[in-house]
Amino acid sequence: MTGVTYLLRALPFILLKKELKSEFWNSFLAYIPYTVLAAMTVPAIFYATEHRLSGIAAFIAAVTASLLGRGLVIVACAATAAVLFVDGIIL
């Protein structure tokens, strides 16, 4: 298991000794951290609360706030407020 993990991490450094000049690969590699973060965060939003409806409300509030150009703290506060509001209505 350790060998496989080490090989997967070391292989790109062994194969890519020169700078990448392909615009496709540069943009592909630039978006990988955001993609991985979204893949880990978005499913957790829906299962973090007791009711799935409050998770959906938090997701909608967070996406709306982020599309309006708000900062991370405001986005987190909007999502939290949405969860508290929906949980208050459900309970």
Foldseek 3Di string as FASTA:
>chain_A
DVVVVVCVVCVVVVVPVDDDPDPVVVVVVVCVVVVVVCVVPLVCLQVVDPHSVLSVQLVVQLVVCVVVPDDPVVSNVSSVVSSVVVVVVVD
